[in-house]
Amino acid sequence: MNEETTIDDSLQAIALLDSVYCLLRERLALACSKDGKLDEALLSEHQLLCYEFAFAAAELRSLRQLVEQADESSKFGPLMAQVCAGETVPETMRRLRAIASGLGCGGDVAGMLADPILADLAGGVSPQVLAKAGAMICEGGDAFKAITTNEDVDLAREMFGRFAKECVEPLAEQIHREDLTIPDELLDQMRELGVFGLSIPEKFGGTAPNEGENTQTMIAVTEALSEASLGAGGSLITRPEILSRAILAGGTEEQKREWLPKIASGEKLVAISITEPDFGSDAASLNLKGTKVDGGWLLNGAKTWCTFAGKADVLMVVTRTGNEPGFKGLSILLVEKPRVDGHAIDYVQDGGGRMIGKAIPTIGYRGMHSFDMSYEDFFVPDSHVLGGEAGLGRGFYFTMNGMTGGRIQTAARASGVMLAAIAAAICYTNDRAIFGKPLSQHQLIQCKIASITARFMASRVLAYSVAKQMDEGGGQMEASLAKLFACRSAEIVTREALQIHGGMGYAEECVVSRLFVDARVLSIFEGAEEALALRVIARGILAQHLKTLGE
């Protein structure tokens, strides 16, 4: 790519790639369907193509958002859009060629990709452009963090940024290195700030509007807290986010009045219990059994990766309450328990029911602890079935309503981690001298800084644009797109930030070592990358295309 590449050039390139993407969407939808409907066997046969297709969709969406929002009046915005285009277009072209080859239409696509504008961008960003951008970022300090949304969102970002810097960040390293549980004093401060009620309407004690949502504020708060600590900051919001959205979607009016104010105030801390040892992301095969007894249900079976189960007062447990196969037999039970500090749970009810939990040792994401859980005749009253009798068998659908919020919130967590990693890399390169000059003046380091910053900026603008869609009543599938792209980006960004630190980056005393291991979990939880790409994004896009064709 030459230095004369403009915003208009990038937009033209995106339009050309979109035309190829649309062609391949049609071909892939036909390849994965029978009689106008997606076919499971054919989808399975084309898993790799669907996986690449999902990533191509995410890359194109994020690039378009960044380029369209680039401020022509400043040097920084257009330059970073240019860097992002030069970084993204070659990879997206590779994916599109691979899909076309797999579908037997490589020749058709090759001609479409031969346009001179794409040919220019296909060569990537020139070292001169990358170095110029990297030098500008290093000289600007925190300038790369700037983003303008609206007054309320900007105020929330500023306020929680100060809180995170003053209260969360000083504890982050100790919590990580000593594998501590988040201290009560920090939880109390977060209660006072209202972080647990960001998606709960004001009429139920939260801070969200009674009509509509304020997802962008949740994004801003999550970013700020995650920049200080993923495990002890931003992730605290995820669990109440998922449960509150599930209750709003399927709870009875009495359950909304009972649970939402307590969640919003932090009186009831929340954990989510979906995954099982043998099934992972295969929710349709979950088999933790709920057996109907007089006045309620007895739980028997096991769960795993139940994050924050020790401190939580209530677990959102997805349970098989019916004999129907797949999703239809699943319900949500709200399981109450006493709070536990430490790494083990052993709670026996008065009637003899028992809940046992043990924290899983992990390489990162410490502070909340994820537990293996088991239930032995553990009693849950009928009043704690989400949606009451009408909610039986609808647990999967309520969970998906909750997970949409959790996924866009996870994209924001990834942004926060990337913010911290890039800031640390800039600080280190400005302070560290090698071969007679600061690292920030070496071309290779400048190129690395530019590349990771462009990826972060693309992830971030995508998250905010999807949040706006969600506030307007849409964005369900797009939330998964944002998570897919941002979480993969966080791995790349933290890897490069650690590498820039050299040997120091591998030392536990260096913050980027924590950011690196924390980032690795982002592509796994709230929907593993592979399941998200195949079963949510690709499936959703292809199904919608087939539906449109049939109308």
Protein backbone atom coordinates (compact mmCIF):
# COMPACT_ATOMS: atom_id res chain seq x y z
CA MET A 1 0.00 0.00 0.00
CA ASN A 2 1.32 3.42 -0.87
CA GLU A 3 1.07 6.56 1.27
CA GLU A 4 -1.51 8.12 -1.07
CA THR A 5 -4.21 5.57 -0.19
CA THR A 6 -7.28 7.52 0.93
CA ILE A 7 -10.44 6.88 2.93
CA ASP A 8 -12.33 6.71 -0.37
CA ASP A 9 -9.89 4.07 -1.66
CA SER A 10 -10.47 2.01 1.49
CA LEU A 11 -14.24 2.33 1.15
CA GLN A 12 -14.05 1.23 -2.47
CA ALA A 13 -11.94 -1.76 -1.45
CA ILE A 14 -14.48 -2.69 1.23
CA ALA A 15 -17.31 -2.43 -1.31
CA LEU A 16 -15.42 -4.75 -3.66
CA LEU A 17 -14.81 -7.26 -0.89
CA ASP A 18 -18.46 -7.00 0.13
CA SER A 19 -19.51 -8.01 -3.38
CA VAL A 20 -17.28 -11.10 -3.16
CA TYR A 21 -18.57 -11.82 0.35
CA CYS A 22 -22.19 -11.62 -0.87
CA LEU A 23 -21.46 -14.01 -3.75
CA LEU A 24 -19.84 -16.50 -1.38
CA ARG A 25 -22.67 -16.12 1.13
CA GLU A 26 -25.07 -17.22 -1.59
CA ARG A 27 -22.87 -20.13 -2.72
CA LEU A 28 -22.18 -21.28 0.85
CA ALA A 29 -25.84 -21.06 1.82
CA LEU A 30 -26.76 -23.26 -1.16
CA ALA A 31 -23.96 -25.71 -0.34
CA CYS A 32 -25.19 -26.05 3.25
CA SER A 33 -28.91 -26.37 2.57
CA LYS A 34 -31.61 -28.67 1.22
CA ASP A 35 -35.00 -27.49 0.06
CA GLY A 36 -34.27 -23.95 1.18
CA LYS A 37 -33.27 -24.85 4.75
CA LEU A 38 -29.89 -25.38 6.38
CA ASP A 39 -28.93 -29.04 6.67
CA GLU A 40 -26.93 -30.24 9.66
CA ALA A 41 -24.90 -32.80 7.71
CA LEU A 42 -23.99 -30.28 5.04
CA LEU A 43 -23.08 -27.64 7.62
CA SER A 44 -20.82 -30.19 9.28
CA GLU A 45 -19.23 -31.02 5.93
CA HIS A 46 -18.39 -27.34 5.39
CA GLN A 47 -17.24 -26.42 8.89
CA LEU A 48 -13.91 -24.92 7.85
CA LEU A 49 -15.51 -22.78 5.16
CA CYS A 50 -18.17 -21.58 7.62
CA TYR A 51 -15.46 -20.77 10.17
CA GLU A 52 -13.51 -18.68 7.66
CA PHE A 53 -16.74 -17.05 6.50
CA ALA A 54 -17.59 -15.94 10.05
CA PHE A 55 -14.19 -14.33 10.49
CA ALA A 56 -14.41 -12.65 7.09
CA ALA A 57 -17.79 -11.20 8.11
CA ALA A 58 -16.30 -9.88 11.37
CA GLU A 59 -13.24 -8.42 9.67
CA LEU A 60 -15.24 -6.63 7.00
CA ARG A 61 -17.71 -5.22 9.53
CA SER A 62 -14.99 -3.93 11.86
CA LEU A 63 -12.96 -2.41 9.02
CA ARG A 64 -15.99 -0.64 7.58
CA GLN A 65 -16.88 0.83 10.97
CA LEU A 66 -13.37 2.16 11.54
CA VAL A 67 -12.99 3.62 8.04
CA GLU A 68 -16.42 5.24 8.06
CA GLN A 69 -15.77 6.84 11.45
CA ALA A 70 -12.29 8.11 10.62
CA ASP A 71 -12.17 11.86 11.26
CA GLU A 72 -10.91 13.48 8.07
CA SER A 73 -10.06 16.66 10.00
CA SER A 74 -7.35 14.88 12.00
CA LYS A 75 -4.23 13.08 10.87
CA PHE A 76 -4.61 10.26 13.37
CA GLY A 77 -8.02 8.86 12.31
CA PRO A 78 -7.43 8.54 8.55
CA LEU A 79 -3.92 7.23 9.09
CA MET A 80 -5.12 4.47 11.45
CA ALA A 81 -7.96 3.62 9.08
CA GLN A 82 -5.33 3.27 6.34
CA VAL A 83 -3.24 1.00 8.57
CA CYS A 84 -6.26 -1.10 9.46
CA ALA A 85 -7.24 -1.48 5.78
CA GLY A 86 -3.72 -2.55 4.85
CA GLU A 87 -3.65 -5.04 7.72
CA THR A 88 -7.17 -6.43 7.27
CA VAL A 89 -7.71 -6.59 3.50
CA PRO A 90 -4.95 -9.15 2.71
CA GLU A 91 -6.19 -11.51 5.43
CA THR A 92 -9.83 -11.16 4.40
CA MET A 93 -8.89 -11.74 0.75
CA ARG A 94 -7.07 -14.91 1.81
CA ARG A 95 -10.18 -16.14 3.61
CA LEU A 96 -12.46 -15.33 0.68
CA ARG A 97 -10.15 -17.12 -1.76
CA ALA A 98 -10.08 -20.18 0.51
CA ILE A 99 -13.89 -20.25 0.72
CA ALA A 100 -14.20 -19.82 -3.04
CA SER A 101 -11.73 -22.61 -3.67
CA GLY A 102 -13.62 -24.92 -1.32
CA LEU A 103 -16.87 -24.13 -3.12
CA GLY A 104 -15.38 -24.57 -6.57
CA CYS A 105 -15.79 -20.95 -7.67
CA GLY A 106 -12.19 -19.80 -7.30
CA GLY A 107 -12.04 -18.57 -10.88
CA ASP A 108 -15.05 -16.29 -10.48
CA VAL A 109 -13.69 -14.78 -7.30
CA ALA A 110 -10.16 -14.38 -8.66
CA GLY A 111 -11.46 -12.03 -11.33
CA MET A 112 -13.42 -9.98 -8.80
CA LEU A 113 -10.37 -9.67 -6.53
CA ALA A 114 -8.12 -8.51 -9.37
CA ASP A 115 -9.27 -4.88 -9.12
CA PRO A 116 -6.29 -2.46 -8.93
CA ILE A 117 -7.47 -0.96 -5.63
CA LEU A 118 -7.55 -4.39 -4.00
CA ALA A 119 -4.25 -5.30 -5.63
CA ASP A 120 -2.68 -2.26 -3.97
CA LEU A 121 -4.11 -3.08 -0.54
CA ALA A 122 -3.31 -6.79 -0.94
CA GLY A 123 0.36 -5.95 -0.57
CA GLY A 124 -0.26 -4.79 2.98
CA VAL A 125 0.80 -1.56 4.61
CA SER A 126 4.12 -0.06 3.58
CA PRO A 127 6.79 0.09 6.29
CA GLN A 128 6.83 3.87 5.92
CA VAL A 129 3.10 4.21 6.66
CA LEU A 130 3.27 1.79 9.59
CA ALA A 131 6.32 3.49 11.07
CA LYS A 132 4.74 6.92 10.72
CA ALA A 133 1.63 5.74 12.51
CA GLY A 134 3.61 3.95 15.22
CA ALA A 135 5.76 7.00 15.90
CA MET A 136 2.66 9.17 16.16
CA ILE A 137 1.08 6.74 18.65
CA CYS A 138 4.20 6.57 20.81
CA GLU A 139 4.56 10.34 20.83
CA GLY A 140 0.89 10.78 21.71
CA GLY A 141 0.93 8.73 24.90
CA ASP A 142 -2.71 8.04 25.80
CA ALA A 143 -4.10 9.77 22.69
CA PHE A 144 -4.90 6.40 21.08
CA LYS A 145 -7.55 5.86 23.79
CA ALA A 146 -9.69 8.80 22.70
CA ILE A 147 -13.19 8.02 21.51
CA THR A 148 -16.32 10.14 21.43
CA THR A 149 -19.72 8.57 21.93
CA ASN A 150 -22.25 10.73 23.77
CA GLU A 151 -22.06 12.85 26.89
CA ASP A 152 -23.49 10.25 29.28
CA VAL A 153 -21.29 7.45 27.97
CA ASP A 154 -18.18 9.63 27.98
CA LEU A 155 -18.92 10.67 31.58
CA ALA A 156 -19.33 7.05 32.67
CA ARG A 157 -16.05 6.13 30.99
CA GLU A 158 -14.23 8.94 32.75
CA MET A 159 -15.74 8.24 36.18
CA PHE A 160 -15.14 4.50 36.13
CA GLY A 161 -11.70 5.03 34.62
CA ARG A 162 -10.72 7.03 37.71
CA PHE A 163 -12.22 4.42 40.01
CA ALA A 164 -10.44 1.59 38.21
CA LYS A 165 -7.11 3.42 38.36
CA GLU A 166 -7.43 4.29 42.04
CA CYS A 167 -9.17 1.22 43.47
CA VAL A 168 -8.92 -1.79 41.13
CA GLU A 169 -5.49 -1.46 39.57
CA PRO A 170 -3.55 -1.37 42.90
CA LEU A 171 -5.03 -4.77 43.81
CA ALA A 172 -4.81 -6.42 40.40
CA GLU A 173 -1.29 -7.84 40.58
CA GLN A 174 -1.66 -9.25 44.09
CA ILE A 175 -4.98 -10.89 43.25
CA HIS A 176 -3.44 -12.43 40.13
CA ARG A 177 -0.14 -13.64 41.58
CA GLU A 178 -1.58 -14.96 44.84
CA ASP A 179 -4.76 -16.32 43.23
CA LEU A 180 -6.91 -14.41 45.71
CA THR A 181 -10.66 -13.96 45.75
CA ILE A 182 -11.86 -10.42 45.04
CA PRO A 183 -11.94 -8.68 48.44
CA ASP A 184 -15.23 -7.53 49.94
CA GLU A 185 -14.09 -3.92 50.19
CA LEU A 186 -13.73 -3.77 46.40
CA LEU A 187 -17.13 -5.41 45.90
CA ASP A 188 -18.68 -2.90 48.31
CA GLN A 189 -17.25 0.00 46.32
CA MET A 190 -18.65 -1.45 43.11
CA ARG A 191 -22.06 -1.84 44.72
CA GLU A 192 -22.03 1.84 45.62
CA LEU A 193 -21.19 2.74 42.00
CA GLY A 194 -24.08 0.63 40.67
CA VAL A 195 -22.04 -1.60 38.36
CA PHE A 196 -24.31 -4.59 38.90
CA GLY A 197 -27.40 -2.83 37.57
CA LEU A 198 -26.19 -1.45 34.26
CA SER A 199 -28.69 -3.51 32.22
CA ILE A 200 -31.53 -3.41 34.74
CA PRO A 201 -34.27 -0.79 34.22
CA GLU A 202 -34.57 2.04 36.72
CA LYS A 203 -37.99 0.80 37.85
CA PHE A 204 -36.26 -2.35 39.13
CA GLY A 205 -33.42 -0.48 40.83
CA GLY A 206 -30.90 -0.42 37.99
CA THR A 207 -29.49 2.39 35.89
CA ALA A 208 -30.79 1.36 32.45
CA PRO A 209 -33.76 3.28 31.03
CA ASN A 210 -37.21 1.79 31.60
CA GLU A 211 -37.78 1.81 27.86
CA GLY A 212 -34.91 0.63 25.66
CA GLU A 213 -31.36 -0.05 26.78
CA ASN A 214 -28.07 1.71 27.40
CA THR A 215 -25.59 -0.86 26.18
CA GLN A 216 -23.00 1.76 25.21
CA THR A 217 -22.67 2.84 28.84
CA MET A 218 -22.15 -0.78 29.84
CA ILE A 219 -19.42 -1.02 27.19
CA ALA A 220 -17.67 2.10 28.53
CA VAL A 221 -17.80 0.92 32.15
CA THR A 222 -16.62 -2.58 31.24
CA GLU A 223 -13.68 -1.24 29.23
CA ALA A 224 -12.55 0.99 32.09
CA LEU A 225 -12.72 -1.78 34.70
CA SER A 226 -11.12 -4.40 32.43
CA GLU A 227 -8.23 -2.08 31.65
CA ALA A 228 -7.36 -2.27 35.34
CA SER A 229 -8.11 -5.99 35.74
CA LEU A 230 -10.07 -8.54 33.74
CA GLY A 231 -10.63 -10.91 36.66
CA ALA A 232 -11.13 -8.37 39.44
CA GLY A 233 -12.81 -5.61 37.42
CA GLY A 234 -14.71 -5.82 34.15
CA SER A 235 -15.78 -9.45 34.49
CA LEU A 236 -17.83 -8.71 37.59
CA ILE A 237 -20.45 -7.17 35.31
CA THR A 238 -20.86 -10.20 33.03
CA ARG A 239 -22.79 -12.50 35.34
CA PRO A 240 -25.45 -9.99 36.44
CA GLU A 241 -25.62 -8.85 32.81
CA ILE A 242 -26.53 -12.38 31.63
CA LEU A 243 -28.96 -13.21 34.44
CA SER A 244 -30.74 -9.86 34.46
CA ARG A 245 -31.33 -10.06 30.70
CA ALA A 246 -32.62 -13.64 31.08
CA ILE A 247 -35.01 -12.55 33.85
CA LEU A 248 -36.22 -9.59 31.81
CA ALA A 249 -36.81 -11.92 28.85
CA GLY A 250 -38.55 -14.77 30.65
CA GLY A 251 -39.16 -14.06 34.31
CA THR A 252 -42.60 -13.60 35.82
CA GLU A 253 -43.49 -10.12 37.05
CA GLU A 254 -43.09 -11.35 40.60
CA GLN A 255 -39.60 -12.73 39.82
CA LYS A 256 -38.59 -9.44 38.20
CA ARG A 257 -39.70 -7.50 41.29
CA GLU A 258 -38.00 -10.01 43.59
CA TRP A 259 -34.65 -10.56 41.88
CA LEU A 260 -33.75 -7.56 39.76
CA PRO A 261 -33.49 -4.96 42.58
CA LYS A 262 -31.32 -7.35 44.59
CA ILE A 263 -29.04 -8.00 41.62
CA ALA A 264 -28.84 -4.30 40.77
CA SER A 265 -27.84 -3.34 44.32
CA GLY A 266 -25.30 -6.15 44.59
CA GLU A 267 -27.23 -7.67 47.48
CA LYS A 268 -27.34 -10.87 45.43
CA LEU A 269 -24.07 -11.68 43.66
CA VAL A 270 -24.50 -13.89 40.62
CA ALA A 271 -22.81 -16.85 38.93
CA ILE A 272 -23.81 -18.58 35.69
CA SER A 273 -23.81 -22.39 35.49
CA ILE A 274 -24.29 -23.71 31.96
CA THR A 275 -21.27 -25.78 30.87
CA GLU A 276 -21.00 -29.47 31.79
CA PRO A 277 -17.85 -31.63 31.90
CA ASP A 278 -18.68 -33.73 28.85
CA PHE A 279 -20.37 -31.22 26.61
CA GLY A 280 -18.68 -27.81 26.64
CA SER A 281 -20.48 -25.56 24.14
CA ASP A 282 -22.98 -28.28 23.15
CA ALA A 283 -25.89 -26.87 25.15
CA ALA A 284 -28.41 -29.19 23.48
CA SER A 285 -26.75 -32.18 25.19
CA LEU A 286 -26.74 -30.81 28.73
CA ASN A 287 -28.01 -33.40 31.21
CA LEU A 288 -27.84 -31.99 34.74
CA LYS A 289 -31.14 -33.46 35.87
CA GLY A 290 -33.96 -31.70 37.67
CA THR A 291 -36.52 -34.14 39.05
CA LYS A 292 -39.95 -32.85 40.05
CA VAL A 293 -40.89 -33.37 43.71
CA ASP A 294 -43.51 -31.79 45.92
CA GLY A 295 -42.95 -28.01 45.93
CA GLY A 296 -39.89 -27.97 43.72
CA TRP A 297 -37.06 -29.84 42.03
CA LEU A 298 -34.13 -32.04 43.05
CA LEU A 299 -30.89 -31.39 41.19
CA ASN A 300 -28.45 -34.23 40.50
CA GLY A 301 -25.38 -34.02 38.30
CA ALA A 302 -22.35 -31.89 37.54
CA LYS A 303 -21.42 -28.55 36.03
CA THR A 304 -18.05 -26.99 35.30
CA TRP A 305 -16.53 -23.56 34.65
CA CYS A 306 -19.02 -21.88 36.96
CA THR A 307 -17.17 -18.58 37.46
CA PHE A 308 -17.61 -16.73 40.78
CA ALA A 309 -19.60 -19.62 42.28
CA GLY A 310 -17.92 -19.22 45.67
CA LYS A 311 -18.86 -15.60 46.30
CA ALA A 312 -22.19 -15.82 44.50
CA ASP A 313 -25.49 -15.88 46.37
CA VAL A 314 -27.45 -17.23 43.41
CA LEU A 315 -26.46 -19.50 40.53
CA MET A 316 -28.30 -19.39 37.20
CA VAL A 317 -28.32 -23.15 36.54
CA VAL A 318 -29.44 -24.47 33.15
CA THR A 319 -31.15 -27.76 33.99
CA ARG A 320 -32.88 -30.56 32.11
CA THR A 321 -36.36 -30.62 33.60
CA GLY A 322 -38.15 -32.50 30.83
CA ASN A 323 -37.74 -35.61 28.73
CA GLU A 324 -37.67 -33.72 25.44
CA PRO A 325 -34.35 -34.02 23.58
CA GLY A 326 -32.09 -31.08 22.80
CA PHE A 327 -32.94 -27.55 23.82
CA LYS A 328 -36.63 -28.19 24.48
CA GLY A 329 -36.09 -29.96 27.79
CA LEU A 330 -33.96 -27.23 29.37
CA SER A 331 -35.07 -24.79 32.05
CA ILE A 332 -33.35 -22.19 34.23
CA LEU A 333 -33.34 -22.68 37.98
CA LEU A 334 -32.19 -19.93 40.33
CA VAL A 335 -30.19 -21.79 42.93
CA GLU A 336 -29.42 -19.98 46.18
CA LYS A 337 -26.42 -20.71 48.40
CA PRO A 338 -24.35 -19.02 51.10
CA ARG A 339 -21.26 -17.01 50.14
CA VAL A 340 -17.94 -18.76 50.43
CA ASP A 341 -14.45 -17.26 50.41
CA GLY A 342 -11.66 -19.39 49.08
CA HIS A 343 -11.50 -22.25 46.63
CA ALA A 344 -14.02 -24.80 47.93
CA ILE A 345 -17.79 -25.07 48.43
CA ASP A 346 -19.52 -27.70 50.53
CA TYR A 347 -23.07 -26.74 51.41
CA VAL A 348 -25.59 -29.15 52.92
CA GLN A 349 -29.25 -28.16 53.04
CA ASP A 350 -31.47 -28.84 56.01
CA GLY A 351 -33.17 -31.63 54.09
CA GLY A 352 -29.86 -33.28 53.19
CA GLY A 353 -29.33 -31.93 49.68
CA ARG A 354 -25.71 -31.14 48.95
CA MET A 355 -23.75 -28.80 46.69
CA ILE A 356 -20.00 -29.30 46.26
CA GLY A 357 -17.63 -27.05 44.37
CA LYS A 358 -13.90 -26.83 43.77
CA ALA A 359 -12.03 -23.99 42.08
CA ILE A 360 -10.20 -24.94 38.88
CA PRO A 361 -6.54 -23.80 38.80
CA THR A 362 -6.06 -21.56 35.75
CA ILE A 363 -3.14 -19.77 34.10
CA GLY A 364 -4.92 -16.42 34.28
CA TYR A 365 -8.28 -14.72 34.86
CA ARG A 366 -7.85 -14.99 38.60
CA GLY A 367 -9.86 -13.33 41.33
CA MET A 368 -13.28 -14.74 40.51
CA HIS A 369 -12.35 -18.44 40.25
CA SER A 370 -14.18 -20.92 38.06
CA PHE A 371 -15.59 -23.97 39.84
CA ASP A 372 -16.37 -27.58 39.14
CA MET A 373 -19.78 -28.10 40.71
CA SER A 374 -21.80 -31.16 41.69
CA TYR A 375 -25.32 -31.52 43.07
CA GLU A 376 -26.74 -34.37 45.13
CA ASP A 377 -30.53 -34.18 45.65
CA PHE A 378 -30.21 -30.42 45.97
CA PHE A 379 -33.68 -28.88 46.42
CA VAL A 380 -34.81 -25.84 44.45
CA PRO A 381 -38.35 -24.49 45.05
CA ASP A 382 -40.87 -24.02 42.23
CA SER A 383 -40.71 -20.25 42.78
CA HIS A 384 -37.11 -20.35 41.55
CA VAL A 385 -37.91 -21.77 38.10
CA LEU A 386 -37.40 -18.82 35.74
CA GLY A 387 -40.75 -18.01 34.19
CA GLY A 388 -42.60 -20.35 36.54
CA GLU A 389 -44.45 -23.29 35.05
CA ALA A 390 -44.65 -21.46 31.70
CA GLY A 391 -40.85 -21.21 31.70
CA LEU A 392 -40.28 -24.95 31.82
CA GLY A 393 -38.53 -26.07 28.64
CA ARG A 394 -37.71 -22.49 27.61
CA GLY A 395 -34.44 -22.14 29.49
CA PHE A 396 -32.24 -22.24 26.41
CA TYR A 397 -34.07 -19.31 24.83
CA PHE A 398 -33.90 -17.24 28.01
CA THR A 399 -30.20 -18.07 28.24
CA MET A 400 -29.59 -16.87 24.69
CA ASN A 401 -31.21 -13.53 25.56
CA GLY A 402 -28.76 -13.26 28.43
CA MET A 403 -25.77 -14.40 26.40
CA THR A 404 -26.23 -11.67 23.81
CA GLY A 405 -25.50 -9.11 26.50
CA GLY A 406 -22.67 -11.24 27.84
CA ARG A 407 -21.03 -11.47 24.43
CA ILE A 408 -21.02 -7.76 23.64
CA GLN A 409 -19.84 -7.19 27.20
CA THR A 410 -17.01 -9.64 26.55
CA ALA A 411 -16.02 -7.66 23.46
CA ALA A 412 -15.73 -4.67 25.79
CA ARG A 413 -13.63 -6.70 28.22
CA ALA A 414 -11.29 -7.52 25.34
CA SER A 415 -11.05 -3.81 24.50
CA GLY A 416 -10.10 -3.01 28.08
CA VAL A 417 -7.34 -5.62 28.09
CA MET A 418 -6.03 -4.29 24.76
CA LEU A 419 -6.08 -0.72 26.10
CA ALA A 420 -3.88 -1.77 29.01
CA ALA A 421 -1.50 -3.79 26.81
CA ILE A 422 -0.95 -1.02 24.27
CA ALA A 423 -0.49 1.60 27.00
CA ALA A 424 2.12 -0.62 28.67
CA ALA A 425 3.91 -1.18 25.35
CA ILE A 426 4.00 2.55 24.57
CA CYS A 427 5.35 3.36 28.02
CA TYR A 428 8.04 0.68 27.78
CA THR A 429 9.18 1.62 24.28
CA ASN A 430 9.48 5.28 25.22
CA ASP A 431 11.49 4.49 28.36
CA ARG A 432 13.67 1.63 27.10
CA ALA A 433 16.74 2.46 24.99
CA ILE A 434 18.58 -0.09 22.85
CA PHE A 435 21.35 0.33 20.30
CA GLY A 436 21.67 3.98 21.21
CA LYS A 437 18.05 5.16 20.93
CA PRO A 438 14.62 4.53 22.49
CA LEU A 439 12.75 1.46 21.30
CA SER A 440 9.97 3.75 20.10
CA GLN A 441 12.31 5.15 17.45
CA HIS A 442 13.07 1.75 15.90
CA GLN A 443 11.05 1.08 12.75
CA LEU A 444 10.08 -2.50 13.61
CA ILE A 445 8.71 -1.47 17.01
CA GLN A 446 6.83 1.44 15.46
CA CYS A 447 5.28 -0.97 12.94
CA LYS A 448 4.21 -3.35 15.70
CA ILE A 449 2.66 -0.55 17.75
CA ALA A 450 0.74 0.72 14.72
CA SER A 451 -0.53 -2.75 13.84
CA ILE A 452 -1.87 -3.64 17.29
CA THR A 453 -3.37 -0.19 17.80
CA ALA A 454 -5.27 -0.39 14.51
CA ARG A 455 -6.62 -3.81 15.47
CA PHE A 456 -7.73 -2.49 18.86
CA MET A 457 -9.43 0.53 17.31
CA ALA A 458 -11.33 -1.64 14.83
CA SER A 459 -12.48 -3.96 17.61
CA ARG A 460 -13.61 -1.06 19.73
CA VAL A 461 -15.63 0.82 17.12
CA LEU A 462 -17.33 -2.44 16.16
CA ALA A 463 -18.35 -3.07 19.78
CA TYR A 464 -19.80 0.42 20.16
CA SER A 465 -21.66 0.24 16.84
CA VAL A 466 -23.22 -3.09 17.82
CA ALA A 467 -24.11 -1.69 21.24
CA LYS A 468 -25.97 1.10 19.47
CA GLN A 469 -27.82 -1.50 17.39
CA MET A 470 -28.76 -3.36 20.55
CA ASP A 471 -30.07 -0.15 22.11
CA GLU A 472 -32.31 0.18 19.07
CA GLY A 473 -33.64 -3.37 19.44
CA GLY A 474 -31.32 -5.31 17.09
CA GLY A 475 -27.73 -6.53 17.03
CA GLN A 476 -28.27 -10.06 18.35
CA MET A 477 -26.02 -11.87 15.86
CA GLU A 478 -23.72 -8.84 15.56
CA ALA A 479 -22.88 -9.11 19.27
CA SER A 480 -21.28 -12.46 18.48
CA LEU A 481 -19.40 -10.91 15.56
CA ALA A 482 -17.98 -8.25 17.87
CA LYS A 483 -16.94 -10.85 20.44
CA LEU A 484 -15.32 -13.08 17.82
CA PHE A 485 -13.18 -10.29 16.39
CA ALA A 486 -12.32 -8.53 19.65
CA CYS A 487 -11.34 -11.66 21.55
CA ARG A 488 -9.04 -12.93 18.81
CA SER A 489 -7.61 -9.40 18.57
CA ALA A 490 -6.90 -9.31 22.31
CA GLU A 491 -4.73 -12.43 21.97
CA ILE A 492 -2.75 -10.86 19.12
CA VAL A 493 -2.39 -7.47 20.80
CA THR A 494 -1.25 -8.83 24.18
CA ARG A 495 1.14 -11.25 22.49
CA GLU A 496 2.83 -8.42 20.60
CA ALA A 497 2.83 -6.14 23.66
CA LEU A 498 4.59 -8.86 25.65
CA GLN A 499 7.05 -9.46 22.82
CA ILE A 500 7.91 -5.76 22.68
CA HIS A 501 8.90 -6.00 26.36
CA GLY A 502 11.36 -8.81 25.55
CA GLY A 503 12.48 -10.83 28.55
CA MET A 504 10.78 -8.44 30.95
CA GLY A 505 7.44 -9.28 29.39
CA TYR A 506 7.83 -12.90 30.46
CA ALA A 507 8.41 -11.93 34.09
CA GLU A 508 5.42 -11.96 36.43
CA GLU A 509 6.40 -8.56 37.77
CA CYS A 510 5.54 -7.07 34.37
CA VAL A 511 1.85 -6.29 33.89
CA VAL A 512 1.78 -7.53 30.28
CA SER A 513 2.43 -11.09 31.46
CA ARG A 514 -0.90 -10.95 33.32
CA LEU A 515 -2.66 -9.33 30.38
CA PHE A 516 -1.31 -12.03 28.04
CA VAL A 517 -2.65 -14.97 30.08
CA ASP A 518 -5.89 -13.17 30.85
CA ALA A 519 -6.54 -12.47 27.16
CA ARG A 520 -6.28 -16.16 26.32
CA VAL A 521 -9.56 -16.98 28.04
CA LEU A 522 -11.59 -14.43 26.07
CA SER A 523 -11.96 -16.63 22.97
CA ILE A 524 -13.19 -19.50 25.14
CA PHE A 525 -15.87 -18.26 27.52
CA GLU A 526 -19.32 -16.83 26.67
CA GLY A 527 -19.24 -19.05 23.59
CA ALA A 528 -16.02 -20.69 22.42
CA GLU A 529 -14.65 -19.18 19.21
CA GLU A 530 -15.33 -22.26 17.11
CA ALA A 531 -18.90 -22.77 18.32
CA LEU A 532 -19.61 -19.05 18.03
CA ALA A 533 -18.30 -18.89 14.45
CA LEU A 534 -20.07 -22.03 13.27
CA ARG A 535 -23.30 -22.27 15.23
CA VAL A 536 -24.16 -18.62 15.78
CA ILE A 537 -22.52 -16.38 13.18
CA ALA A 538 -22.23 -18.47 10.02
CA ARG A 539 -25.47 -20.32 10.71
CA GLY A 540 -27.28 -17.07 11.47
CA ILE A 541 -26.06 -15.25 8.36
CA LEU A 542 -26.74 -18.20 6.04
CA ALA A 543 -30.17 -18.87 7.53
CA GLN A 544 -31.15 -15.22 7.12
CA HIS A 545 -29.97 -15.28 3.50
CA LEU A 546 -32.06 -18.37 2.75
CA LYS A 547 -35.05 -16.78 4.45
CA THR A 548 -34.65 -13.66 2.32
CA LEU A 549 -34.47 -15.76 -0.85
CA GLY A 550 -37.69 -17.53 0.11
CA GLU A 551 -39.67 -14.34 0.71
